[in-house]
């Protein structure tokens, strides 16, 4: 009887875990030592002087990449993505609103009217920089992506989701 209860609890725990990954995508935690040597070396190089806090293997549309959450010596958080060959794919840096370009700051302040900016990231991918603002207002959360010129590129509902 006891084994049946434990098995039922175990099954319930794994069938009720919310999945926040889009179709065609998967993420799993991995150890840095399990990565291809070139990918691990690239992440360690980017973390120089800081600490790699977490590493994930991501798969999107059949392409595998590795993302590390890095805490710099100054305490700043960034996420760095590389492919198996160690090529830098993207860098996400958490920044203060005051560090964003004026056009982006103005657009974010307008978008967040009556609410607050919980988190702001500068994302550099494929040579392009965008800004992702997590905004909360009226018990709702949304992520809004802005171009460097302050134009809204994308909006995503994040209510009930961990950032």
N, C-alpha and C. Protein backbone atom coordinates (compact mmCIF):
# COMPACT_ATOMS: atom_id res chain seq x y z
N UNK A 1 0.82 -1.19 0.00
CA UNK A 1 0.00 0.00 0.00
C UNK A 1 0.87 1.26 0.00
N UNK A 2 1.88 1.25 0.88
CA UNK A 2 2.77 2.40 0.98
C UNK A 2 3.45 2.67 -0.36
N UNK A 3 3.88 1.61 -1.06
CA UNK A 3 4.54 1.76 -2.36
C UNK A 3 3.60 2.37 -3.39
N UNK A 4 2.32 2.00 -3.33
CA UNK A 4 1.33 2.54 -4.28
C UNK A 4 1.15 4.04 -4.06
N UNK A 5 1.12 4.46 -2.80
CA UNK A 5 0.96 5.89 -2.48
C UNK A 5 2.18 6.67 -2.97
N UNK A 6 3.36 6.15 -2.70
CA UNK A 6 4.58 6.82 -3.14
C UNK A 6 4.62 6.91 -4.66
N UNK A 7 4.27 5.82 -5.33
CA UNK A 7 4.25 5.82 -6.80
C UNK A 7 3.24 6.82 -7.33
N UNK A 8 2.08 6.91 -6.69
CA UNK A 8 1.05 7.86 -7.13
C UNK A 8 1.52 9.30 -6.94
N UNK A 9 2.15 9.58 -5.80
CA UNK A 9 2.67 10.93 -5.55
C UNK A 9 3.77 11.28 -6.54
N UNK A 10 4.64 10.33 -6.80
CA UNK A 10 5.72 10.55 -7.76
C UNK A 10 5.16 10.85 -9.15
N UNK A 11 4.19 10.06 -9.58
CA UNK A 11 3.57 10.27 -10.90
C UNK A 11 2.86 11.61 -10.95
N UNK A 12 2.16 11.97 -9.89
CA UNK A 12 1.44 13.25 -9.87
C UNK A 12 2.41 14.42 -9.96
N UNK A 13 3.53 14.31 -9.27
CA UNK A 13 4.52 15.40 -9.30
C UNK A 13 5.04 15.64 -10.70
N UNK A 14 5.27 14.58 -11.44
CA UNK A 14 5.85 14.74 -12.77
C UNK A 14 4.83 15.01 -13.86
N UNK A 15 3.57 14.75 -13.59
CA UNK A 15 2.56 15.05 -14.61
C UNK A 15 1.96 16.42 -14.43
N UNK A 16 2.26 17.09 -13.31
CA UNK A 16 1.68 18.42 -13.08
C UNK A 16 2.71 19.53 -13.17
N UNK A 17 3.93 19.19 -13.52
CA UNK A 17 4.96 20.22 -13.68
C UNK A 17 4.61 21.08 -14.88
N UNK A 18 4.49 22.41 -14.70
CA UNK A 18 4.15 23.24 -15.85
C UNK A 18 5.30 23.30 -16.84
N UNK A 19 4.97 23.24 -18.09
CA UNK A 19 5.98 23.32 -19.14
C UNK A 19 5.85 24.68 -19.80
N UNK A 20 6.94 25.46 -19.76
CA UNK A 20 6.90 26.80 -20.33
C UNK A 20 7.72 26.88 -21.61
N UNK A 21 7.95 25.74 -22.22
CA UNK A 21 8.75 25.70 -23.43
C UNK A 21 7.81 25.60 -24.63
N UNK A 22 8.10 26.35 -25.66
CA UNK A 22 7.27 26.34 -26.87
C UNK A 22 7.43 25.01 -27.60
N UNK A 23 6.44 24.69 -28.42
CA UNK A 23 6.50 23.47 -29.23
C UNK A 23 7.77 23.48 -30.07
N UNK A 24 8.43 22.34 -30.18
CA UNK A 24 9.65 22.26 -30.97
C UNK A 24 10.89 22.67 -30.18
N UNK A 25 10.72 22.96 -28.88
CA UNK A 25 11.85 23.37 -28.05
C UNK A 25 11.94 22.46 -26.83
N UNK A 26 13.14 22.27 -26.33
CA UNK A 26 13.32 21.55 -25.07
C UNK A 26 14.55 22.11 -24.37
N UNK A 27 14.51 22.05 -23.05
CA UNK A 27 15.63 22.51 -22.23
C UNK A 27 15.88 21.46 -21.16
N UNK A 28 17.16 21.24 -20.84
CA UNK A 28 17.47 20.35 -19.72
C UNK A 28 18.76 20.81 -19.08
N UNK A 29 18.80 20.69 -17.76
CA UNK A 29 19.99 21.06 -17.02
C UNK A 29 21.09 20.05 -17.31
N UNK A 30 22.31 20.54 -17.49
CA UNK A 30 23.46 19.69 -17.75
C UNK A 30 24.65 20.21 -16.95
N UNK A 31 25.68 19.40 -16.86
CA UNK A 31 26.92 19.81 -16.20
C UNK A 31 27.86 20.39 -17.25
N UNK A 32 28.61 21.39 -16.88
CA UNK A 32 29.58 22.00 -17.78
C UNK A 32 30.54 20.93 -18.31
N UNK A 33 30.92 20.00 -17.45
CA UNK A 33 31.86 18.94 -17.84
C UNK A 33 31.29 17.98 -18.88
N UNK A 34 29.97 17.98 -19.06
CA UNK A 34 29.34 17.10 -20.05
C UNK A 34 29.22 17.74 -21.42
N UNK A 35 29.55 19.02 -21.54
CA UNK A 35 29.43 19.74 -22.82
C UNK A 35 30.59 19.39 -23.74
N UNK A 36 30.40 19.56 -25.05
CA UNK A 36 31.54 19.43 -25.96
C UNK A 36 32.63 20.41 -25.50
N UNK A 37 33.88 20.02 -25.66
CA UNK A 37 35.00 20.82 -25.15
C UNK A 37 34.97 22.26 -25.64
N UNK A 38 34.67 22.47 -26.91
CA UNK A 38 34.66 23.83 -27.47
C UNK A 38 33.57 24.69 -26.83
N UNK A 39 32.40 24.10 -26.58
CA UNK A 39 31.30 24.84 -25.95
C UNK A 39 31.65 25.19 -24.51
N UNK A 40 32.20 24.23 -23.77
CA UNK A 40 32.59 24.48 -22.38
C UNK A 40 33.66 25.56 -22.30
N UNK A 41 34.65 25.49 -23.19
CA UNK A 41 35.73 26.49 -23.19
C UNK A 41 35.19 27.89 -23.49
N UNK A 42 34.26 27.99 -24.43
CA UNK A 42 33.69 29.30 -24.78
C UNK A 42 32.91 29.89 -23.60
N UNK A 43 32.15 29.06 -22.90
CA UNK A 43 31.39 29.54 -21.75
C UNK A 43 32.32 29.95 -20.61
N UNK A 44 33.37 29.14 -20.38
CA UNK A 44 34.33 29.48 -19.33
C UNK A 44 35.06 30.78 -19.66
N UNK A 45 35.40 30.98 -20.92
CA UNK A 45 36.07 32.21 -21.34
C UNK A 45 35.16 33.42 -21.09
N UNK A 46 33.88 33.28 -21.41
CA UNK A 46 32.95 34.40 -21.21
C UNK A 46 32.74 34.68 -19.72
N UNK A 47 32.88 33.65 -18.89
CA UNK A 47 32.67 33.80 -17.45
C UNK A 47 33.93 34.23 -16.70
N UNK A 48 35.02 34.47 -17.41
CA UNK A 48 36.30 34.80 -16.77
C UNK A 48 36.11 35.80 -15.64
N UNK A 49 36.56 35.42 -14.45
CA UNK A 49 36.44 36.28 -13.29
C UNK A 49 35.10 36.16 -12.59
N UNK A 50 34.17 35.45 -13.20
CA UNK A 50 32.84 35.26 -12.61
C UNK A 50 32.59 33.80 -12.33
N UNK A 51 31.32 33.47 -12.12
CA UNK A 51 30.95 32.10 -11.78
C UNK A 51 29.81 31.63 -12.67
N UNK A 52 29.97 30.43 -13.22
CA UNK A 52 28.88 29.82 -13.99
C UNK A 52 27.93 29.19 -12.97
N UNK A 53 26.72 29.72 -12.91
CA UNK A 53 25.74 29.31 -11.92
C UNK A 53 24.92 28.12 -12.38
N UNK A 54 24.59 28.09 -13.67
CA UNK A 54 23.71 27.05 -14.20
C UNK A 54 24.00 26.86 -15.68
N UNK A 55 23.89 25.62 -16.16
CA UNK A 55 24.08 25.33 -17.58
C UNK A 55 22.90 24.49 -18.06
N UNK A 56 22.37 24.86 -19.23
CA UNK A 56 21.27 24.11 -19.84
C UNK A 56 21.62 23.77 -21.28
N UNK A 57 21.11 22.62 -21.70
CA UNK A 57 21.17 22.26 -23.12
C UNK A 57 19.81 22.58 -23.69
N UNK A 58 19.78 23.39 -24.73
CA UNK A 58 18.53 23.78 -25.38
C UNK A 58 18.47 23.16 -26.76
N UNK A 59 17.29 22.72 -27.14
CA UNK A 59 17.09 22.24 -28.50
C UNK A 59 15.89 22.97 -29.08
N UNK A 60 16.10 23.62 -30.21
CA UNK A 60 15.03 24.34 -30.88
C UNK A 60 15.11 24.04 -32.37
N UNK A 61 14.03 23.50 -32.88
CA UNK A 61 13.97 23.13 -34.30
C UNK A 61 15.14 22.24 -34.72
N UNK A 62 15.51 21.30 -33.85
CA UNK A 62 16.56 20.36 -34.17
C UNK A 62 17.98 20.87 -33.95
N UNK A 63 18.13 22.13 -33.55
CA UNK A 63 19.46 22.70 -33.31
C UNK A 63 19.73 22.73 -31.82
N UNK A 64 20.90 22.24 -31.45
CA UNK A 64 21.29 22.17 -30.04
C UNK A 64 22.23 23.32 -29.71
N UNK A 65 21.95 23.97 -28.57
CA UNK A 65 22.83 25.02 -28.06
C UNK A 65 22.97 24.83 -26.55
N UNK A 66 23.91 25.54 -25.98
CA UNK A 66 24.18 25.44 -24.55
C UNK A 66 24.14 26.85 -23.97
N UNK A 67 23.36 27.00 -22.89
CA UNK A 67 23.20 28.32 -22.28
C UNK A 67 23.69 28.28 -20.85
N UNK A 68 24.52 29.24 -20.49
CA UNK A 68 25.03 29.33 -19.13
C UNK A 68 24.55 30.63 -18.49
N UNK A 69 24.13 30.51 -17.24
CA UNK A 69 23.81 31.69 -16.44
C UNK A 69 25.08 32.01 -15.68
N UNK A 70 25.56 33.24 -15.85
CA UNK A 70 26.85 33.64 -15.30
C UNK A 70 26.67 34.82 -14.35
N UNK A 71 27.31 34.72 -13.19
CA UNK A 71 27.32 35.83 -12.23
C UNK A 71 28.73 36.41 -12.24
N UNK A 72 28.84 37.68 -12.63
CA UNK A 72 30.16 38.32 -12.71
C UNK A 72 30.69 38.59 -11.31
N UNK A 73 31.97 38.94 -11.23
CA UNK A 73 32.58 39.28 -9.95
C UNK A 73 31.86 40.46 -9.31
N UNK A 74 31.28 41.34 -10.13
CA UNK A 74 30.54 42.50 -9.64
C UNK A 74 29.10 42.16 -9.26
N UNK A 75 28.70 40.89 -9.47
CA UNK A 75 27.36 40.46 -9.11
C UNK A 75 26.32 40.59 -10.20
N UNK A 76 26.74 41.01 -11.39
CA UNK A 76 25.79 41.15 -12.50
C UNK A 76 25.52 39.78 -13.12
N UNK A 77 24.27 39.59 -13.56
CA UNK A 77 23.85 38.32 -14.15
C UNK A 77 23.76 38.45 -15.66
N UNK A 78 24.28 37.45 -16.35
CA UNK A 78 24.12 37.38 -17.81
C UNK A 78 23.88 35.92 -18.19
N UNK A 79 23.30 35.74 -19.36
CA UNK A 79 23.11 34.40 -19.92
C UNK A 79 23.79 34.39 -21.27
N UNK A 80 24.60 33.37 -21.49
CA UNK A 80 25.39 33.26 -22.72
C UNK A 80 25.04 31.94 -23.40
N UNK A 81 24.75 32.01 -24.70
CA UNK A 81 24.44 30.80 -25.48
C UNK A 81 25.51 30.58 -26.52
N UNK A 82 25.95 29.32 -26.63
CA UNK A 82 26.93 28.93 -27.64
C UNK A 82 26.45 27.63 -28.29
N UNK A 83 27.00 27.34 -29.48
CA UNK A 83 26.69 26.05 -30.09
C UNK A 83 27.78 25.05 -29.70
N UNK A 84 27.69 23.84 -30.19
CA UNK A 84 28.64 22.78 -29.83
C UNK A 84 30.07 23.12 -30.23
N UNK A 85 30.23 23.93 -31.29
CA UNK A 85 31.57 24.32 -31.74
C UNK A 85 32.12 25.50 -30.96
N UNK A 86 31.34 26.04 -30.02
CA UNK A 86 31.79 27.16 -29.20
C UNK A 86 31.49 28.52 -29.78
N UNK A 87 30.75 28.57 -30.88
CA UNK A 87 30.39 29.86 -31.49
C UNK A 87 29.36 30.57 -30.62
N UNK A 88 29.63 31.84 -30.33
CA UNK A 88 28.72 32.65 -29.54
C UNK A 88 27.44 32.91 -30.32
N UNK A 89 26.29 32.54 -29.74
CA UNK A 89 25.00 32.72 -30.41
C UNK A 89 24.24 33.92 -29.86
N UNK A 90 24.27 34.09 -28.54
CA UNK A 90 23.52 35.19 -27.93
C UNK A 90 24.07 35.50 -26.54
N UNK A 91 23.89 36.77 -26.15
CA UNK A 91 24.25 37.21 -24.81
C UNK A 91 23.08 38.04 -24.28
N UNK A 92 22.62 37.70 -23.08
CA UNK A 92 21.55 38.45 -22.41
C UNK A 92 22.13 39.01 -21.12
N UNK A 93 22.13 40.33 -21.00
CA UNK A 93 22.63 40.98 -19.80
C UNK A 93 21.49 41.69 -19.09
N UNK A 94 21.35 41.46 -17.79
CA UNK A 94 20.38 42.20 -17.00
C UNK A 94 20.97 43.59 -16.79
N UNK A 95 20.17 44.63 -17.12
CA UNK A 95 20.65 46.00 -17.00
C UNK A 95 19.61 46.85 -16.26
N UNK A 96 20.05 48.00 -15.82
CA UNK A 96 19.14 48.99 -15.23
C UNK A 96 18.47 49.75 -16.36
N UNK A 97 17.28 50.26 -16.12
CA UNK A 97 16.57 51.04 -17.13
C UNK A 97 17.41 52.23 -17.59
N UNK A 98 18.14 52.82 -16.68
CA UNK A 98 18.97 53.99 -17.01
C UNK A 98 20.08 53.66 -17.99
N UNK A 99 20.44 52.38 -18.13
CA UNK A 99 21.51 51.97 -19.05
C UNK A 99 21.00 51.74 -20.48
N UNK A 100 19.69 51.76 -20.67
CA UNK A 100 19.12 51.55 -22.01
C UNK A 100 19.18 52.86 -22.80
N UNK A 101 19.24 52.77 -24.13
CA UNK A 101 19.22 53.99 -24.95
C UNK A 101 17.94 54.80 -24.67
N UNK A 102 18.02 56.10 -24.87
CA UNK A 102 16.90 56.98 -24.55
C UNK A 102 15.60 56.55 -25.22
N UNK A 103 15.64 56.18 -26.49
CA UNK A 103 14.42 55.78 -27.21
C UNK A 103 13.80 54.54 -26.57
N UNK A 104 14.64 53.63 -26.12
CA UNK A 104 14.16 52.41 -25.47
C UNK A 104 13.58 52.73 -24.10
N UNK A 105 14.28 53.57 -23.33
CA UNK A 105 13.79 53.97 -22.00
C UNK A 105 12.41 54.61 -22.11
N UNK A 106 12.27 55.54 -23.05
CA UNK A 106 11.00 56.24 -23.24
C UNK A 106 9.88 55.26 -23.60
N UNK A 107 10.16 54.34 -24.50
CA UNK A 107 9.16 53.35 -24.92
C UNK A 107 8.78 52.42 -23.76
N UNK A 108 9.76 52.01 -22.97
CA UNK A 108 9.49 51.13 -21.83
C UNK A 108 8.65 51.87 -20.79
N UNK A 109 9.02 53.11 -20.49
CA UNK A 109 8.27 53.89 -19.51
C UNK A 109 6.82 54.06 -19.95
N UNK A 110 6.61 54.29 -21.24
CA UNK A 110 5.25 54.43 -21.77
C UNK A 110 4.49 53.10 -21.64
N UNK A 111 5.14 52.01 -22.00
CA UNK A 111 4.52 50.68 -21.94
C UNK A 111 4.20 50.28 -20.50
N UNK A 112 5.02 50.74 -19.55
CA UNK A 112 4.86 50.36 -18.14
C UNK A 112 4.01 51.34 -17.35
N UNK A 113 3.38 52.30 -17.99
CA UNK A 113 2.56 53.29 -17.28
C UNK A 113 1.56 52.58 -16.37
N UNK A 114 1.57 52.96 -15.09
CA UNK A 114 0.68 52.35 -14.12
C UNK A 114 1.19 51.04 -13.57
N UNK A 115 2.37 50.63 -13.96
CA UNK A 115 2.95 49.37 -13.49
C UNK A 115 4.42 49.57 -13.16
N UNK A 116 5.16 48.47 -13.19
CA UNK A 116 6.60 48.58 -12.93
C UNK A 116 7.38 47.61 -13.80
N UNK A 117 8.63 47.97 -14.04
CA UNK A 117 9.54 47.11 -14.79
C UNK A 117 10.24 46.22 -13.76
N UNK A 118 9.95 44.91 -13.83
CA UNK A 118 10.55 43.96 -12.90
C UNK A 118 11.98 43.63 -13.29
N UNK A 119 12.22 43.55 -14.59
CA UNK A 119 13.54 43.13 -15.09
C UNK A 119 13.72 43.65 -16.50
N UNK A 120 14.94 44.06 -16.82
CA UNK A 120 15.26 44.52 -18.17
C UNK A 120 16.54 43.83 -18.62
N UNK A 121 16.49 43.24 -19.81
CA UNK A 121 17.66 42.56 -20.37
C UNK A 121 18.01 43.16 -21.73
N UNK A 122 19.31 43.33 -21.93
CA UNK A 122 19.82 43.69 -23.26
C UNK A 122 20.24 42.38 -23.91
N UNK A 123 19.64 42.07 -25.06
CA UNK A 123 19.89 40.80 -25.74
C UNK A 123 20.60 41.07 -27.06
N UNK A 124 21.76 40.47 -27.23
CA UNK A 124 22.50 40.59 -28.48
C UNK A 124 22.54 39.22 -29.13
N UNK A 125 21.96 39.15 -30.33
CA UNK A 125 21.86 37.89 -31.06
C UNK A 125 21.97 38.19 -32.55
N UNK A 126 22.82 37.44 -33.23
CA UNK A 126 23.03 37.65 -34.67
C UNK A 126 23.40 39.09 -34.99
N UNK A 127 24.17 39.71 -34.12
CA UNK A 127 24.63 41.08 -34.35
C UNK A 127 23.58 42.15 -34.11
N UNK A 128 22.39 41.76 -33.66
CA UNK A 128 21.32 42.73 -33.39
C UNK A 128 21.05 42.78 -31.89
N UNK A 129 20.78 43.98 -31.40
CA UNK A 129 20.48 44.16 -29.99
C UNK A 129 19.02 44.53 -29.81
N UNK A 130 18.37 43.82 -28.90
CA UNK A 130 17.00 44.15 -28.50
C UNK A 130 16.97 44.26 -26.98
N UNK A 131 15.87 44.75 -26.47
CA UNK A 131 15.70 44.93 -25.03
C UNK A 131 14.41 44.24 -24.61
N UNK A 132 14.50 43.32 -23.63
CA UNK A 132 13.34 42.59 -23.14
C UNK A 132 12.98 43.11 -21.76
N UNK A 133 11.79 43.70 -21.65
CA UNK A 133 11.32 44.24 -20.38
C UNK A 133 10.21 43.36 -19.83
N UNK A 134 10.36 42.92 -18.58
CA UNK A 134 9.31 42.20 -17.89
C UNK A 134 8.54 43.24 -17.09
N UNK A 135 7.27 43.45 -17.45
CA UNK A 135 6.47 44.53 -16.88
C UNK A 135 5.28 43.93 -16.14
N UNK A 136 5.02 44.44 -14.92
CA UNK A 136 3.84 44.00 -14.18
C UNK A 136 2.93 45.19 -13.93
N UNK A 137 1.63 44.97 -14.13
CA UNK A 137 0.62 46.00 -13.88
C UNK A 137 -0.73 45.33 -13.74
N UNK A 138 -1.52 45.78 -12.78
CA UNK A 138 -2.88 45.26 -12.59
C UNK A 138 -2.91 43.74 -12.46
N UNK A 139 -2.01 43.19 -11.65
CA UNK A 139 -1.93 41.74 -11.39
C UNK A 139 -1.63 40.93 -12.65
N UNK A 140 -1.10 41.56 -13.67
CA UNK A 140 -0.70 40.86 -14.90
C UNK A 140 0.76 41.14 -15.18
N UNK A 141 1.42 40.16 -15.82
CA UNK A 141 2.82 40.31 -16.20
C UNK A 141 2.94 40.06 -17.69
N UNK A 142 3.82 40.84 -18.32
CA UNK A 142 4.06 40.62 -19.75
C UNK A 142 5.52 40.97 -20.04
N UNK A 143 6.03 40.28 -21.05
CA UNK A 143 7.38 40.59 -21.53
C UNK A 143 7.21 41.31 -22.86
N UNK A 144 7.84 42.46 -22.95
CA UNK A 144 7.77 43.25 -24.17
C UNK A 144 9.18 43.41 -24.70
N UNK A 145 9.37 43.08 -25.98
CA UNK A 145 10.67 43.18 -26.63
C UNK A 145 10.68 44.44 -27.48
N UNK A 146 11.74 45.26 -27.30
CA UNK A 146 11.89 46.51 -28.02
C UNK A 146 13.14 46.47 -28.90
N UNK A 147 13.06 47.10 -30.06
CA UNK A 147 14.25 47.26 -30.90
C UNK A 147 15.12 48.34 -30.27
N UNK A 148 16.33 48.51 -30.77
CA UNK A 148 17.22 49.57 -30.27
C UNK A 148 16.65 50.96 -30.52
N UNK A 149 15.70 51.05 -31.46
CA UNK A 149 15.05 52.33 -31.77
C UNK A 149 13.82 52.57 -30.90
N UNK A 150 13.48 51.62 -30.02
CA UNK A 150 12.35 51.79 -29.13
C UNK A 150 11.03 51.29 -29.67
N UNK A 151 11.05 50.59 -30.79
CA UNK A 151 9.82 50.04 -31.37
C UNK A 151 9.50 48.69 -30.71
N UNK A 152 8.21 48.43 -30.46
CA UNK A 152 7.80 47.15 -29.90
C UNK A 152 7.93 46.09 -30.99
N UNK A 153 8.68 45.03 -30.67
CA UNK A 153 8.91 43.93 -31.61
C UNK A 153 7.99 42.76 -31.29
N UNK A 154 7.74 42.54 -30.00
CA UNK A 154 6.95 41.37 -29.57
C UNK A 154 6.40 41.61 -28.18
N UNK A 155 5.23 41.04 -27.91
CA UNK A 155 4.64 41.04 -26.57
C UNK A 155 4.27 39.60 -26.22
N UNK A 156 4.53 39.21 -24.97
CA UNK A 156 4.17 37.86 -24.53
C UNK A 156 3.58 37.93 -23.12
N UNK A 157 2.44 37.29 -22.92
CA UNK A 157 1.81 37.24 -21.61
C UNK A 157 2.65 36.35 -20.70
N UNK A 158 3.01 36.85 -19.53
CA UNK A 158 3.80 36.08 -18.57
C UNK A 158 3.06 35.91 -17.25
N UNK A 159 1.77 36.26 -17.22
CA UNK A 159 0.99 36.12 -16.00
C UNK A 159 1.00 34.67 -15.56
N UNK A 160 1.35 34.45 -14.29
CA UNK A 160 1.38 33.09 -13.76
C UNK A 160 2.63 32.31 -14.10
N UNK A 161 3.57 32.93 -14.80
CA UNK A 161 4.81 32.24 -15.18
C UNK A 161 5.98 32.87 -14.45
N UNK A 162 6.95 32.04 -14.11
CA UNK A 162 8.20 32.55 -13.55
C UNK A 162 8.96 33.20 -14.68
N UNK A 163 9.56 34.36 -14.44
CA UNK A 163 10.19 35.15 -15.51
C UNK A 163 10.83 34.26 -16.52
